[in-house]
């Protein structure tokens, strides 16, 4: 990924309520972030990038140990809208690297 600089690395805890990278989330989306790379650690999660909340049965699946890459362009608007939820009881941990 030549020309892309790492801004931050964080863990996002995902449970049975949808979470985003918004201002009240932990981690908060870094101000200069335009790209990200995500890995699901412990269990599957679902995601949506249209600003709507995913559910345990609705949204794209990110299986445990799989990754999701938004690194090829400026994805700032997508990063502001993306939301995640665990697919079953218990928390999922998403590891996220943010890039400029």
Protein backbone atom coordinates (compact mmCIF):
# COMPACT_ATOMS: atom_id res chain seq x y z
CA UNK A 1 0.00 0.00 0.00
CA UNK A 2 2.48 2.55 -1.19
CA UNK A 3 1.65 6.16 -0.34
CA UNK A 4 -0.76 5.24 2.45
CA UNK A 5 0.20 6.10 6.02
CA UNK A 6 -1.04 4.36 9.14
CA UNK A 7 -2.93 6.80 11.38
CA UNK A 8 -4.18 4.55 14.19
CA UNK A 9 -4.86 0.99 15.31
CA UNK A 10 -7.82 0.11 17.54
CA UNK A 11 -10.06 -2.67 18.78
CA UNK A 12 -13.81 -2.28 18.38
CA UNK A 13 -15.94 -4.41 20.72
CA UNK A 14 -19.07 -5.53 18.88
CA UNK A 15 -22.03 -6.99 20.75
CA UNK A 16 -25.79 -7.37 20.23
CA UNK A 17 -26.34 -3.63 19.65
CA UNK A 18 -25.05 -2.08 16.44
CA UNK A 19 -22.00 0.18 16.81
CA UNK A 20 -20.33 2.69 14.53
CA UNK A 21 -17.07 4.60 14.47
CA UNK A 22 -18.91 7.82 15.32
CA UNK A 23 -18.09 10.37 17.98
CA UNK A 24 -19.57 8.33 20.84
CA UNK A 25 -17.91 5.09 19.77
CA UNK A 26 -14.70 3.61 21.04
CA UNK A 27 -12.60 3.79 18.98
CA UNK A 28 -13.58 7.06 17.41
CA UNK A 29 -12.90 7.43 13.70
CA UNK A 30 -9.66 9.46 13.39
CA UNK A 31 -10.18 12.83 11.71
CA UNK A 32 -7.81 12.19 8.80
CA UNK A 33 -8.80 8.56 8.18
CA UNK A 34 -9.92 7.79 4.63
CA UNK A 35 -9.20 4.05 4.57
CA UNK A 36 -9.27 1.08 6.94
CA UNK A 37 -8.46 -2.60 7.22
CA UNK A 38 -10.54 -4.75 9.62
CA UNK A 39 -10.06 -8.28 10.97
CA UNK A 40 -12.71 -10.19 12.94
CA UNK A 41 -10.99 -11.88 15.87
CA UNK A 42 -13.27 -14.11 17.90
CA UNK A 43 -16.60 -14.50 16.12
CA UNK A 44 -18.50 -13.33 13.08
CA UNK A 45 -20.00 -9.87 12.77
CA UNK A 46 -22.31 -8.25 10.25
CA UNK A 47 -21.86 -4.81 8.75
CA UNK A 48 -23.71 -2.23 6.69
CA UNK A 49 -22.28 0.92 5.15
CA UNK A 50 -25.50 2.71 4.20
CA UNK A 51 -25.98 4.34 7.61
CA UNK A 52 -28.56 1.77 8.72
CA UNK A 53 -28.01 -0.66 11.58
CA UNK A 54 -27.25 -4.27 10.69
CA UNK A 55 -28.92 -7.04 12.68
CA UNK A 56 -27.78 -10.52 13.66
CA UNK A 57 -29.35 -11.77 10.40
CA UNK A 58 -29.14 -8.74 8.07
CA UNK A 59 -26.04 -7.17 6.56
CA UNK A 60 -22.78 -8.43 5.09
CA UNK A 61 -21.07 -11.18 7.08
CA UNK A 62 -17.49 -10.78 8.29
CA UNK A 63 -16.59 -14.28 9.47
CA UNK A 64 -14.18 -14.92 12.34
CA UNK A 65 -10.57 -14.63 11.12
CA UNK A 66 -11.69 -12.91 7.90
CA UNK A 67 -10.73 -9.39 6.89
CA UNK A 68 -12.37 -6.45 5.20
CA UNK A 69 -10.34 -3.88 3.29
CA UNK A 70 -11.33 -0.35 2.35
CA UNK A 71 -7.88 0.81 1.23
CA UNK A 72 -8.04 1.44 -2.52
CA UNK A 73 -9.67 4.88 -2.56
CA UNK A 74 -11.00 7.66 -0.33
CA UNK A 75 -13.68 5.90 1.75
CA UNK A 76 -14.28 8.65 4.32
CA UNK A 77 -18.06 8.77 3.80
CA UNK A 78 -18.29 4.99 4.08
CA UNK A 79 -16.23 5.01 7.28
CA UNK A 80 -18.60 7.58 8.77
CA UNK A 81 -21.65 5.42 7.98
CA UNK A 82 -20.42 1.87 8.58
CA UNK A 83 -21.98 -0.05 11.47
CA UNK A 84 -21.28 -3.47 12.98
CA UNK A 85 -23.12 -6.03 15.11
CA UNK A 86 -22.23 -9.50 16.45
CA UNK A 87 -24.03 -12.38 14.75
CA UNK A 88 -24.70 -14.27 18.00
CA UNK A 89 -24.57 -13.83 21.76
CA UNK A 90 -21.21 -12.72 23.09
CA UNK A 91 -18.86 -10.04 21.91
CA UNK A 92 -16.82 -9.97 18.75
CA UNK A 93 -13.56 -8.04 18.63
CA UNK A 94 -12.72 -6.22 15.42
CA UNK A 95 -9.13 -5.11 14.95
CA UNK A 96 -8.97 -1.96 12.82
CA UNK A 97 -6.05 -0.17 11.22
CA UNK A 98 -6.85 3.32 9.92
CA UNK A 99 -4.96 4.92 7.03
CA UNK A 100 -4.89 8.41 5.51
